[in-house]
PDB file of N, CA and C in Angstrom:
ATOM      1  N   MET A   1      10.237 -46.890 209.568  1.00  0.00           N
ATOM      2  CA  MET A   1      10.710 -48.050 210.511  1.00  0.00           C
ATOM      3  C   MET A   1      11.754 -49.035 210.144  1.00  0.00           C
ATOM      4  N   SER A   2      12.777 -50.005 210.438  1.00  0.00           N
ATOM      5  CA  SER A   2      13.487 -50.567 210.110  1.00  0.00           C
ATOM      6  C   SER A   2      12.816 -52.077 209.794  1.00  0.00           C
ATOM      7  N   GLN A   3      13.881 -52.389 208.833  1.00  0.00           N
ATOM      8  CA  GLN A   3      13.266 -53.813 207.947  1.00  0.00           C
ATOM      9  C   GLN A   3      14.418 -55.008 209.042  1.00  0.00           C
ATOM     10  N   SER A   4      13.522 -54.904 209.907  1.00  0.00           N
ATOM     11  CA  SER A   4      13.897 -56.235 210.705  1.00  0.00           C
ATOM     12  C   SER A   4      13.201 -57.589 210.319  1.00  0.00           C
ATOM     13  N   PRO A   5      14.182 -58.459 209.980  1.00  0.00           N
ATOM     14  CA  PRO A   5      13.964 -59.680 209.889  1.00  0.00           C
ATOM     15  C   PRO A   5      12.664 -60.502 211.096  1.00  0.00           C
ATOM     16  N   ALA A   6      12.712 -59.821 211.826  1.00  0.00           N
ATOM     17  CA  ALA A   6      11.466 -61.119 213.077  1.00  0.00           C
ATOM     18  C   ALA A   6      10.194 -60.444 212.273  1.00  0.00           C
ATOM     19  N   ASN A   7      10.530 -58.850 211.483  1.00  0.00           N
ATOM     20  CA  ASN A   7       8.730 -58.670 211.264  1.00  0.00           C
ATOM     21  C   ASN A   7       8.446 -58.936 209.595  1.00  0.00           C
ATOM     22  N   LYS A   8       8.838 -59.723 209.338  1.00  0.00           N
ATOM     23  CA  LYS A   8       8.405 -61.015 208.241  1.00  0.00           C
ATOM     24  C   LYS A   8       7.566 -61.977 208.521  1.00  0.00           C
ATOM     25  N   PRO A   9       6.472 -61.616 208.146  1.00  0.00           N
ATOM     26  CA  PRO A   9       5.320 -62.839 208.886  1.00  0.00           C
ATOM     27  C   PRO A   9       5.215 -63.865 207.946  1.00  0.00           C
ATOM     28  N   LEU A  10       4.997 -65.118 208.583  1.00  0.00           N
ATOM     29  CA  LEU A  10       5.502 -66.030 207.849  1.00  0.00           C
ATOM     30  C   LEU A  10       3.876 -67.088 207.733  1.00  0.00           C
ATOM     31  N   ASN A  11       2.981 -66.109 208.053  1.00  0.00           N
ATOM     32  CA  ASN A  11       1.803 -66.686 207.606  1.00  0.00           C
ATOM     33  C   ASN A  11       0.349 -65.673 208.361  1.00  0.00           C
ATOM     34  N   ILE A  12      -0.455 -65.226 207.486  1.00  0.00           N
ATOM     35  CA  ILE A  12      -1.110 -64.561 207.380  1.00  0.00           C
ATOM     36  C   ILE A  12      -2.868 -64.765 206.988  1.00  0.00           C
ATOM     37  N   ASN A  13      -3.378 -64.817 207.974  1.00  0.00           N
ATOM     38  CA  ASN A  13      -5.032 -65.342 207.785  1.00  0.00           C
ATOM     39  C   ASN A  13      -5.841 -64.301 208.336  1.00  0.00           C
ATOM     40  N   ALA A  14      -6.746 -63.975 207.061  1.00  0.00           N
ATOM     41  CA  ALA A  14      -7.703 -63.237 207.155  1.00  0.00           C
ATOM     42  C   ALA A  14      -9.174 -64.332 207.172  1.00  0.00           C
ATOM     43  N   ASP A  15      -9.542 -64.080 208.394  1.00  0.00           N
ATOM     44  CA  ASP A  15     -10.593 -64.977 208.749  1.00  0.00           C
ATOM     45  C   ASP A  15     -11.929 -64.120 208.919  1.00  0.00           C
ATOM     46  N   ARG A  16     -12.650 -64.073 207.662  1.00  0.00           N
ATOM     47  CA  ARG A  16     -13.593 -63.044 207.202  1.00  0.00           C
ATOM     48  C   ARG A  16     -14.674 -63.494 208.342  1.00  0.00           C
ATOM     49  N   THR A  17     -15.097 -65.008 208.658  1.00  0.00           N
ATOM     50  CA  THR A  17     -16.240 -64.926 209.506  1.00  0.00           C
ATOM     51  C   THR A  17     -16.278 -64.385 210.859  1.00  0.00           C
ATOM     52  N   ALA A  18     -14.787 -64.684 211.344  1.00  0.00           N
ATOM     53  CA  ALA A  18     -14.659 -63.734 212.811  1.00  0.00           C
ATOM     54  C   ALA A  18     -14.280 -62.401 213.082  1.00  0.00           C
ATOM     55  N   GLY A  19     -14.029 -61.899 211.406  1.00  0.00           N
ATOM     56  CA  GLY A  19     -13.838 -60.753 211.313  1.00  0.00           C
ATOM     57  C   GLY A  19     -12.261 -60.244 212.148  1.00  0.00           C
ATOM     58  N   ARG A  20     -10.963 -60.974 211.520  1.00  0.00           N
ATOM     59  CA  ARG A  20     -10.018 -60.765 212.149  1.00  0.00           C
ATOM     60  C   ARG A  20      -8.890 -61.159 211.502  1.00  0.00           C
ATOM     61  N   LEU A  21      -7.506 -60.410 211.283  1.00  0.00           N
ATOM     62  CA  LEU A  21      -6.748 -60.629 210.465  1.00  0.00           C
ATOM     63  C   LEU A  21      -5.403 -61.115 211.592  1.00  0.00           C
ATOM     64  N   THR A  22      -5.172 -62.042 211.286  1.00  0.00           N
ATOM     65  CA  THR A  22      -3.807 -62.735 212.082  1.00  0.00           C
ATOM     66  C   THR A  22      -2.831 -63.027 211.572  1.00  0.00           C
ATOM     67  N   ILE A  23      -1.409 -62.396 212.110  1.00  0.00           N
ATOM     68  CA  ILE A  23      -0.109 -62.959 211.506  1.00  0.00           C
ATOM     69  C   ILE A  23       0.768 -63.337 212.697  1.00  0.00           C
ATOM     70  N   GLU A  24       1.232 -64.271 211.900  1.00  0.00           N
ATOM     71  CA  GLU A  24       2.346 -64.921 212.504  1.00  0.00           C
ATOM     72  C   GLU A  24       3.542 -64.561 212.346  1.00  0.00           C
ATOM     73  N   TRP A  25       4.418 -64.192 212.711  1.00  0.00           N
ATOM     74  CA  TRP A  25       5.801 -63.252 212.687  1.00  0.00           C
ATOM     75  C   TRP A  25       7.109 -64.531 212.921  1.00  0.00           C
ATOM     76  N   ALA A  26       8.254 -64.355 212.322  1.00  0.00           N
ATOM     77  CA  ALA A  26       9.237 -65.344 212.134  1.00  0.00           C
ATOM     78  C   ALA A  26       9.590 -65.146 213.355  1.00  0.00           C
ATOM     79  N   ASP A  27       9.862 -64.259 214.304  1.00  0.00           N
ATOM     80  CA  ASP A  27      10.583 -64.593 215.460  1.00  0.00           C
ATOM     81  C   ASP A  27       8.937 -65.189 216.673  1.00  0.00           C
ATOM     82  N   GLY A  28       8.488 -65.585 215.907  1.00  0.00           N
ATOM     83  CA  GLY A  28       7.466 -66.667 216.766  1.00  0.00           C
ATOM     84  C   GLY A  28       6.143 -65.568 216.953  1.00  0.00           C
ATOM     85  N   HIS A  29       6.146 -64.594 217.298  1.00  0.00           N
ATOM     86  CA  HIS A  29       5.298 -63.729 217.612  1.00  0.00           C
ATOM     87  C   HIS A  29       4.044 -63.917 217.251  1.00  0.00           C
ATOM     88  N   ARG A  30       2.736 -63.497 217.348  1.00  0.00           N
ATOM     89  CA  ARG A  30       1.463 -63.912 217.280  1.00  0.00           C
ATOM     90  C   ARG A  30       0.742 -62.878 217.440  1.00  0.00           C
ATOM     91  N   SER A  31       0.113 -61.637 216.081  1.00  0.00           N
ATOM     92  CA  SER A  31      -0.609 -60.838 216.269  1.00  0.00           C
ATOM     93  C   SER A  31      -1.998 -60.718 215.801  1.00  0.00           C
ATOM     94  N   GLN A  32      -3.115 -60.383 216.628  1.00  0.00           N
ATOM     95  CA  GLN A  32      -4.451 -60.685 215.845  1.00  0.00           C
ATOM     96  C   GLN A  32      -5.296 -59.272 216.062  1.00  0.00           C
ATOM     97  N   PHE A  33      -5.732 -58.654 215.095  1.00  0.00           N
ATOM     98  CA  PHE A  33      -5.861 -57.379 214.584  1.00  0.00           C
ATOM     99  C   PHE A  33      -7.530 -57.785 214.600  1.00  0.00           C
ATOM    100  N   ASP A  34      -8.659 -57.197 215.393  1.00  0.00           N
ATOM    101  CA  ASP A  34      -9.902 -57.350 215.397  1.00  0.00           C
ATOM    102  C   ASP A  34     -10.168 -56.160 214.155  1.00  0.00           C
ATOM    103  N   ALA A  35     -11.438 -56.652 213.524  1.00  0.00           N
ATOM    104  CA  ALA A  35     -11.902 -55.935 211.941  1.00  0.00           C
ATOM    105  C   ALA A  35     -11.794 -54.306 212.545  1.00  0.00           C
ATOM    106  N   VAL A  36     -12.427 -54.001 213.674  1.00  0.00           N
ATOM    107  CA  VAL A  36     -12.711 -52.514 214.040  1.00  0.00           C
ATOM    108  C   VAL A  36     -11.225 -51.882 214.383  1.00  0.00           C
ATOM    109  N   THR A  37     -10.499 -52.698 215.034  1.00  0.00           N
ATOM    110  CA  THR A  37      -8.925 -51.930 215.318  1.00  0.00           C
ATOM    111  C   THR A  37      -7.892 -51.872 213.880  1.00  0.00           C
ATOM    112  N   LEU A  38      -8.316 -52.795 213.066  1.00  0.00           N
ATOM    113  CA  LEU A  38      -7.346 -52.480 211.488  1.00  0.00           C
ATOM    114  C   LEU A  38      -8.407 -51.435 210.811  1.00  0.00           C
ATOM    115  N   ARG A  39      -9.301 -51.398 210.731  1.00  0.00           N
ATOM    116  CA  ARG A  39     -10.115 -50.452 209.951  1.00  0.00           C
ATOM    117  C   ARG A  39      -9.349 -48.898 210.309  1.00  0.00           C
ATOM    118  N   LEU A  40      -9.417 -48.754 211.985  1.00  0.00           N
ATOM    119  CA  LEU A  40      -8.962 -47.297 212.542  1.00  0.00           C
ATOM    120  C   LEU A  40      -7.530 -47.238 212.121  1.00  0.00           C
ATOM    121  N   LEU A  41      -6.859 -48.108 211.978  1.00  0.00           N
ATOM    122  CA  LEU A  41      -5.218 -48.420 211.530  1.00  0.00           C
ATOM    123  C   LEU A  41      -5.075 -47.699 210.356  1.00  0.00           C
ATOM    124  N   CYS A  42      -6.379 -47.839 209.073  1.00  0.00           N
ATOM    125  CA  CYS A  42      -5.960 -47.755 207.806  1.00  0.00           C
ATOM    126  C   CYS A  42      -5.038 -46.457 207.349  1.00  0.00           C
ATOM    127  N   PRO A  43      -4.014 -46.774 206.517  1.00  0.00           N
ATOM    128  CA  PRO A  43      -2.748 -46.031 206.259  1.00  0.00           C
ATOM    129  C   PRO A  43      -2.872 -44.929 205.359  1.00  0.00           C
ATOM    130  N   CYS A  44      -4.477 -45.477 204.116  1.00  0.00           N
ATOM    131  CA  CYS A  44      -4.170 -44.778 202.899  1.00  0.00           C
ATOM    132  C   CYS A  44      -4.794 -43.026 203.081  1.00  0.00           C
ATOM    133  N   ALA A  45      -4.537 -42.442 202.116  1.00  0.00           N
ATOM    134  CA  ALA A  45      -4.663 -41.162 202.025  1.00  0.00           C
ATOM    135  C   ALA A  45      -6.274 -40.612 202.642  1.00  0.00           C
ATOM    136  N   PHE A  46      -7.078 -41.272 201.976  1.00  0.00           N
ATOM    137  CA  PHE A  46      -8.424 -40.531 202.689  1.00  0.00           C
ATOM    138  C   PHE A  46      -8.510 -40.826 204.060  1.00  0.00           C
ATOM    139  N   CYS A  47      -8.438 -41.980 204.652  1.00  0.00           N
ATOM    140  CA  CYS A  47      -8.112 -42.293 205.402  1.00  0.00           C
ATOM    141  C   CYS A  47      -7.522 -41.081 206.736  1.00  0.00           C
ATOM    142  N   GLN A  48      -6.185 -41.243 206.285  1.00  0.00           N
ATOM    143  CA  GLN A  48      -5.093 -40.403 207.506  1.00  0.00           C
ATOM    144  C   GLN A  48      -4.897 -39.215 206.765  1.00  0.00           C
ATOM    145  N   GLY A  49      -5.127 -38.660 205.608  1.00  0.00           N
ATOM    146  CA  GLY A  49      -5.050 -37.581 205.206  1.00  0.00           C
ATOM    147  C   GLY A  49      -3.666 -37.588 204.802  1.00  0.00           C
ATOM    148  N   GLU A  50      -3.231 -36.033 203.507  1.00  0.00           N
ATOM    149  CA  GLU A  50      -2.336 -35.944 203.125  1.00  0.00           C
ATOM    150  C   GLU A  50      -2.035 -34.759 202.876  1.00  0.00           C
ATOM    151  N   ALA A  51      -0.969 -34.470 202.468  1.00  0.00           N
ATOM    152  CA  ALA A  51      -0.910 -33.176 202.446  1.00  0.00           C
ATOM    153  C   ALA A  51      -1.019 -31.862 203.203  1.00  0.00           C
ATOM    154  N   GLY A  52      -0.929 -32.477 204.475  1.00  0.00           N
ATOM    155  CA  GLY A  52      -1.356 -31.592 205.611  1.00  0.00           C
ATOM    156  C   GLY A  52      -2.850 -31.597 205.453  1.00  0.00           C
ATOM    157  N   ARG A  53      -3.911 -32.191 204.854  1.00  0.00           N
ATOM    158  CA  ARG A  53      -5.273 -31.825 205.574  1.00  0.00           C
ATOM    159  C   ARG A  53      -5.457 -33.391 205.926  1.00  0.00           C
ATOM    160  N   PRO A  54      -6.712 -33.039 206.529  1.00  0.00           N
ATOM    161  CA  PRO A  54      -6.807 -34.316 207.698  1.00  0.00           C
ATOM    162  C   PRO A  54      -8.070 -35.378 206.901  1.00  0.00           C
ATOM    163  N   GLY A  55      -7.766 -36.577 206.909  1.00  0.00           N
ATOM    164  CA  GLY A  55      -8.106 -37.678 206.624  1.00  0.00           C
ATOM    165  C   GLY A  55      -9.667 -37.586 207.324  1.00  0.00           C
ATOM    166  N   TRP A  56     -10.424 -39.080 206.437  1.00  0.00           N
ATOM    167  CA  TRP A  56     -11.925 -39.241 207.469  1.00  0.00           C
ATOM    168  C   TRP A  56     -11.726 -39.553 208.789  1.00  0.00           C
ATOM    169  N   LEU A  57     -10.637 -40.651 209.464  1.00  0.00           N
ATOM    170  CA  LEU A  57     -10.748 -40.725 210.669  1.00  0.00           C
ATOM    171  C   LEU A  57     -10.107 -39.990 211.386  1.00  0.00           C
ATOM    172  N   ASP A  58      -9.567 -38.786 211.255  1.00  0.00           N
ATOM    173  CA  ASP A  58      -9.386 -37.518 212.088  1.00  0.00           C
ATOM    174  C   ASP A  58     -10.735 -36.769 212.784  1.00  0.00           C
ATOM    175  N   THR A  59     -11.543 -37.385 211.734  1.00  0.00           N
ATOM    176  CA  THR A  59     -13.257 -36.832 212.346  1.00  0.00           C
ATOM    177  C   THR A  59     -14.283 -37.375 213.069  1.00  0.00           C
ATOM    178  N   ASN A  60     -13.405 -39.019 213.547  1.00  0.00           N
ATOM    179  CA  ASN A  60     -13.306 -39.533 214.474  1.00  0.00           C
ATOM    180  C   ASN A  60     -14.891 -40.332 213.917  1.00  0.00           C
ATOM    181  N   PRO A  61     -14.813 -40.386 213.131  1.00  0.00           N
ATOM    182  CA  PRO A  61     -16.372 -41.611 212.321  1.00  0.00           C
ATOM    183  C   PRO A  61     -16.896 -42.170 213.347  1.00  0.00           C
ATOM    184  N   THR A  62     -17.931 -42.867 213.495  1.00  0.00           N
ATOM    185  CA  THR A  62     -18.810 -43.896 213.994  1.00  0.00           C
ATOM    186  C   THR A  62     -18.602 -45.309 212.898  1.00  0.00           C
ATOM    187  N   LEU A  63     -18.007 -45.991 213.072  1.00  0.00           N
ATOM    188  CA  LEU A  63     -18.050 -47.086 211.933  1.00  0.00           C
ATOM    189  C   LEU A  63     -19.389 -48.079 212.005  1.00  0.00           C
ATOM    190  N   SER A  64     -19.627 -48.161 210.674  1.00  0.00           N
ATOM    191  CA  SER A  64     -20.732 -48.706 210.514  1.00  0.00           C
ATOM    192  C   SER A  64     -20.275 -50.537 210.264  1.00  0.00           C
ATOM    193  N   SER A  65     -21.475 -51.515 210.808  1.00  0.00           N
ATOM    194  CA  SER A  65     -20.711 -53.183 210.669  1.00  0.00           C
ATOM    195  C   SER A  65     -20.007 -52.797 209.031  1.00  0.00           C
ATOM    196  N   ILE A  66     -21.071 -52.542 208.339  1.00  0.00           N
ATOM    197  CA  ILE A  66     -20.819 -52.679 206.946  1.00  0.00           C
ATOM    198  C   ILE A  66     -18.956 -52.399 206.271  1.00  0.00           C
ATOM    199  N   GLN A  67     -18.557 -51.136 207.122  1.00  0.00           N
ATOM    200  CA  GLN A  67     -17.544 -50.443 206.926  1.00  0.00           C
ATOM    201  C   GLN A  67     -16.205 -51.443 207.955  1.00  0.00           C
ATOM    202  N   THR A  68     -16.742 -52.316 208.851  1.00  0.00           N
ATOM    203  CA  THR A  68     -15.626 -52.848 209.529  1.00  0.00           C
ATOM    204  C   THR A  68     -15.862 -54.599 209.210  1.00  0.00           C
ATOM    205  N   GLN A  69     -16.862 -55.003 208.536  1.00  0.00           N
ATOM    206  CA  GLN A  69     -16.783 -56.170 207.532  1.00  0.00           C
ATOM    207  C   GLN A  69     -15.649 -56.803 206.920  1.00  0.00           C
ATOM    208  N   LEU A  70     -14.780 -57.687 207.011  1.00  0.00           N
ATOM    209  CA  LEU A  70     -13.188 -57.581 206.391  1.00  0.00           C
ATOM    210  C   LEU A  70     -14.147 -58.735 205.207  1.00  0.00           C
ATOM    211  N   VAL A  71     -13.479 -58.797 204.123  1.00  0.00           N
ATOM    212  CA  VAL A  71     -14.251 -59.412 202.927  1.00  0.00           C
ATOM    213  C   VAL A  71     -13.187 -60.349 202.186  1.00  0.00           C
ATOM    214  N   GLY A  72     -11.908 -59.567 202.306  1.00  0.00           N
ATOM    215  CA  GLY A  72     -10.514 -60.524 201.789  1.00  0.00           C
ATOM    216  C   GLY A  72      -9.350 -59.550 201.858  1.00  0.00           C
ATOM    217  N   ALA A  73      -8.563 -60.270 201.762  1.00  0.00           N
ATOM    218  CA  ALA A  73      -7.167 -59.571 202.075  1.00  0.00           C
ATOM    219  C   ALA A  73      -6.354 -59.900 200.873  1.00  0.00           C
ATOM    220  N   ARG A  74      -5.314 -59.099 200.434  1.00  0.00           N
ATOM    221  CA  ARG A  74      -4.187 -59.380 199.427  1.00  0.00           C
ATOM    222  C   ARG A  74      -3.096 -59.127 199.820  1.00  0.00           C
ATOM    223  N   LEU A  75      -1.948 -60.232 198.878  1.00  0.00           N
ATOM    224  CA  LEU A  75      -0.614 -59.036 199.673  1.00  0.00           C
ATOM    225  C   LEU A  75      -0.082 -58.395 198.628  1.00  0.00           C
ATOM    226  N   VAL A  76       0.673 -56.852 199.218  1.00  0.00           N
ATOM    227  CA  VAL A  76       0.993 -56.066 198.071  1.00  0.00           C
ATOM    228  C   VAL A  76       2.789 -56.396 198.339  1.00  0.00           C
ATOM    229  N   GLY A  77       3.189 -56.607 197.283  1.00  0.00           N
ATOM    230  CA  GLY A  77       4.603 -57.180 197.124  1.00  0.00           C
ATOM    231  C   GLY A  77       5.048 -58.212 198.402  1.00  0.00           C
ATOM    232  N   SER A  78       6.036 -57.735 198.626  1.00  0.00           N
ATOM    233  CA  SER A  78       6.104 -58.422 200.323  1.00  0.00           C
ATOM    234  C   SER A  78       6.499 -57.626 201.285  1.00  0.00           C
ATOM    235  N   TYR A  79       5.910 -56.670 201.254  1.00  0.00           N
ATOM    236  CA  TYR A  79       5.997 -55.989 202.558  1.00  0.00           C
ATOM    237  C   TYR A  79       4.679 -55.211 203.080  1.00  0.00           C
ATOM    238  N   ALA A  80       3.698 -55.827 202.714  1.00  0.00           N
ATOM    239  CA  ALA A  80       1.721 -55.527 202.896  1.00  0.00           C
ATOM    240  C   ALA A  80       1.332 -56.435 202.251  1.00  0.00           C
ATOM    241  N   VAL A  81      -0.071 -55.882 203.442  1.00  0.00           N
ATOM    242  CA  VAL A  81      -1.305 -56.367 203.046  1.00  0.00           C
ATOM    243  C   VAL A  81      -2.502 -55.711 202.659  1.00  0.00           C
ATOM    244  N   ALA A  82      -3.360 -55.625 202.137  1.00  0.00           N
ATOM    245  CA  ALA A  82      -4.236 -54.868 201.715  1.00  0.00           C
ATOM    246  C   ALA A  82      -5.773 -55.407 201.785  1.00  0.00           C
ATOM    247  N   PRO A  83      -5.961 -55.187 203.105  1.00  0.00           N
ATOM    248  CA  PRO A  83      -7.555 -55.837 203.532  1.00  0.00           C
ATOM    249  C   PRO A  83      -8.606 -55.128 202.565  1.00  0.00           C
ATOM    250  N   THR A  84      -9.605 -55.851 201.836  1.00  0.00           N
ATOM    251  CA  THR A  84     -10.907 -55.364 201.650  1.00  0.00           C
ATOM    252  C   THR A  84     -12.179 -55.439 202.093  1.00  0.00           C
ATOM    253  N   TRP A  85     -12.605 -54.382 202.364  1.00  0.00           N
ATOM    254  CA  TRP A  85     -14.057 -54.027 203.419  1.00  0.00           C
ATOM    255  C   TRP A  85     -15.154 -54.152 202.459  1.00  0.00           C
ATOM    256  N   ALA A  86     -16.150 -54.198 203.612  1.00  0.00           N
ATOM    257  CA  ALA A  86     -17.829 -55.081 202.883  1.00  0.00           C
ATOM    258  C   ALA A  86     -18.084 -53.780 202.042  1.00  0.00           C
ATOM    259  N   ASP A  87     -17.746 -52.295 202.506  1.00  0.00           N
ATOM    260  CA  ASP A  87     -18.019 -51.027 201.918  1.00  0.00           C
ATOM    261  C   ASP A  87     -17.255 -50.680 200.392  1.00  0.00           C
ATOM    262  N   GLY A  88     -16.307 -52.120 200.459  1.00  0.00           N
ATOM    263  CA  GLY A  88     -15.234 -51.786 198.865  1.00  0.00           C
ATOM    264  C   GLY A  88     -14.305 -50.608 199.324  1.00  0.00           C
ATOM    265  N   HIS A  89     -13.721 -50.197 200.101  1.00  0.00           N
ATOM    266  CA  HIS A  89     -12.551 -50.060 200.472  1.00  0.00           C
ATOM    267  C   HIS A  89     -11.815 -50.369 200.684  1.00  0.00           C
ATOM    268  N   ASP A  90     -10.402 -50.384 200.280  1.00  0.00           N
ATOM    269  CA  ASP A  90      -9.412 -51.606 199.604  1.00  0.00           C
ATOM    270  C   ASP A  90      -8.127 -50.605 199.367  1.00  0.00           C
ATOM    271  N   THR A  91      -7.999 -49.507 199.501  1.00  0.00           N
ATOM    272  CA  THR A  91      -6.939 -49.348 199.326  1.00  0.00           C
ATOM    273  C   THR A  91      -5.697 -48.739 200.085  1.00  0.00           C
ATOM    274  N   GLY A  92      -6.187 -49.204 201.564  1.00  0.00           N
ATOM    275  CA  GLY A  92      -4.822 -49.040 202.328  1.00  0.00           C
ATOM    276  C   GLY A  92      -4.165 -50.495 202.643  1.00  0.00           C
ATOM    277  N   TYR A  93      -2.636 -49.819 202.344  1.00  0.00           N
ATOM    278  CA  TYR A  93      -1.646 -50.844 202.532  1.00  0.00           C
ATOM    279  C   TYR A  93      -0.918 -51.256 203.966  1.00  0.00           C
ATOM    280  N   TYR A  94      -0.830 -51.695 204.490  1.00  0.00           N
ATOM    281  CA  TYR A  94      -0.672 -52.115 205.726  1.00  0.00           C
ATOM    282  C   TYR A  94       0.589 -52.888 205.887  1.00  0.00           C
ATOM    283  N   GLU A  95       1.722 -51.965 205.910  1.00  0.00           N
ATOM    284  CA  GLU A  95       3.201 -52.644 205.931  1.00  0.00           C
ATOM    285  C   GLU A  95       3.150 -53.524 206.884  1.00  0.00           C
ATOM    286  N   PHE A  96       3.973 -54.608 206.701  1.00  0.00           N
ATOM    287  CA  PHE A  96       4.280 -55.401 208.034  1.00  0.00           C
ATOM    288  C   PHE A  96       4.839 -54.826 209.211  1.00  0.00           C
ATOM    289  N   GLU A  97       5.761 -53.953 208.742  1.00  0.00           N
ATOM    290  CA  GLU A  97       6.572 -53.094 209.955  1.00  0.00           C
ATOM    291  C   GLU A  97       5.629 -52.357 210.725  1.00  0.00           C
ATOM    292  N   SER A  98       4.643 -51.311 209.997  1.00  0.00           N
ATOM    293  CA  SER A  98       3.673 -50.512 210.901  1.00  0.00           C
ATOM    294  C   SER A  98       2.146 -52.099 211.723  1.00  0.00           C
ATOM    295  N   LEU A  99       2.435 -52.875 211.113  1.00  0.00           N
ATOM    296  CA  LEU A  99       0.870 -53.959 211.606  1.00  0.00           C
ATOM    297  C   LEU A  99       2.383 -54.481 212.999  1.00  0.00           C
ATOM    298  N   ARG A 100       3.197 -54.829 212.465  1.00  0.00           N
ATOM    299  CA  ARG A 100       4.266 -55.199 213.773  1.00  0.00           C
ATOM    300  C   ARG A 100       4.062 -54.557 215.143  1.00  0.00           C
ATOM    301  N   PHE A 101       4.204 -52.995 214.587  1.00  0.00           N
ATOM    302  CA  PHE A 101       4.331 -51.922 215.516  1.00  0.00           C
ATOM    303  C   PHE A 101       3.195 -52.185 216.347  1.00  0.00           C
ATOM    304  N   HIS A 102       2.003 -51.790 215.921  1.00  0.00           N
ATOM    305  CA  HIS A 102       0.331 -51.798 216.054  1.00  0.00           C
ATOM    306  C   HIS A 102       0.157 -52.927 216.668  1.00  0.00           C
ATOM    307  N   CYS A 103       1.006 -53.916 216.810  1.00  0.00           N
ATOM    308  CA  CYS A 103       0.137 -55.059 217.884  1.00  0.00           C
ATOM    309  C   CYS A 103      -0.466 -55.199 218.814  1.00  0.00           C
ATOM    310  N   PRO A 104      -1.528 -55.485 218.576  1.00  0.00           N
ATOM    311  CA  PRO A 104      -2.483 -54.920 219.864  1.00  0.00           C
ATOM    312  C   PRO A 104      -2.517 -55.729 220.946  1.00  0.00           C
ATOM    313  N   CYS A 105      -1.872 -57.253 220.736  1.00  0.00           N
ATOM    314  CA  CYS A 105      -1.374 -58.034 222.343  1.00  0.00           C
ATOM    315  C   CYS A 105      -0.992 -56.823 223.608  1.00  0.00           C
ATOM    316  N   THR A 106      -1.275 -57.850 224.762  1.00  0.00           N
ATOM    317  CA  THR A 106      -0.857 -57.166 226.025  1.00  0.00           C
ATOM    318  C   THR A 106       0.487 -56.804 226.134  1.00  0.00           C
ATOM    319  N   GLU A 107       1.593 -57.964 225.516  1.00  0.00           N
ATOM    320  CA  GLU A 107       2.998 -57.333 225.800  1.00  0.00           C
ATOM    321  C   GLU A 107       3.280 -55.726 224.816  1.00  0.00           C
ATOM    322  N   CYS A 108       3.070 -56.282 223.427  1.00  0.00           N
ATOM    323  CA  CYS A 108       3.436 -55.211 222.556  1.00  0.00           C
ATOM    324  C   CYS A 108       2.540 -53.935 223.330  1.00  0.00           C
ATOM    325  N   THR A 109       1.748 -53.552 223.610  1.00  0.00           N
ATOM    326  CA  THR A 109       1.038 -52.734 223.772  1.00  0.00           C
ATOM    327  C   THR A 109       1.704 -52.595 224.796  1.00  0.00           C
ATOM    328  N   ALA A 110       2.222 -52.999 226.174  1.00  0.00           N
ATOM    329  CA  ALA A 110       2.628 -52.215 227.666  1.00  0.00           C
ATOM    330  C   ALA A 110       4.173 -51.721 227.094  1.00  0.00           C
ATOM    331  N   ALA A 111       4.754 -52.278 226.181  1.00  0.00           N
ATOM    332  CA  ALA A 111       6.132 -52.088 225.293  1.00  0.00           C
ATOM    333  C   ALA A 111       5.813 -50.533 225.049  1.00  0.00           C
ATOM    334  N   ARG A 112       4.433 -50.223 224.277  1.00  0.00           N
ATOM    335  CA  ARG A 112       4.856 -49.500 224.013  1.00  0.00           C
ATOM    336  C   ARG A 112       4.984 -48.033 224.560  1.00  0.00           C
ATOM    337  N   ARG A 113       4.007 -48.586 225.836  1.00  0.00           N
ATOM    338  CA  ARG A 113       3.762 -47.411 227.045  1.00  0.00           C
ATOM    339  C   ARG A 113       5.267 -47.277 227.654  1.00  0.00           C
ATOM    340  N   GLU A 114       6.134 -47.904 227.932  1.00  0.00           N
ATOM    341  CA  GLU A 114       7.422 -47.801 228.378  1.00  0.00           C
ATOM    342  C   GLU A 114       7.977 -46.508 227.693  1.00  0.00           C
ATOM    343  N   PRO A 115       8.795 -46.024 228.494  1.00  0.00           N
ATOM    344  CA  PRO A 115       9.165 -44.906 228.133  1.00  0.00           C
ATOM    345  C   PRO A 115      10.867 -45.736 227.728  1.00  0.00           C
ATOM    346  N   SER A 116      11.438 -44.727 226.429  1.00  0.00           N
ATOM    347  CA  SER A 116      12.452 -45.096 225.686  1.00  0.00           C
ATOM    348  C   SER A 116      14.122 -44.970 226.692  1.00  0.00           C
TER     349      SER A 116
END
C-alpha cells in the first residue's frame, strides 16, 4: 500500500467501554471500528496464518465476549496500532494504511465495491 499523507492519523481513541477504536485522519475522514470487526481484521500470524498455513481466523471461529473486549491499545512506531484484548491477545500490529483501506464507513465500503 502507498504511504499517503491522508492516511496519517491525527487522533486515535480506544474506547474500552464502547468497544470501539476511532481514528481521525489527516484528510478529515473518520473511521470507527467496532471491536468484533477489529478483531476479525487482526493481521498477526496466528490469526491470518503464515508460510502457506491457514490462520485461526480461517476456521471461521465464533468469537467470545472476552475475545472481543478491547482493553487497550498502544502505538507501534509511527505506522501502526496494537490493540490488547481481554483474552491477552496483543500481537496484531494494525498498520494505519491497512486500517484506512478497511474503514467500515458506508462511503469507504461503497468505494471498495466499485470496479477500478
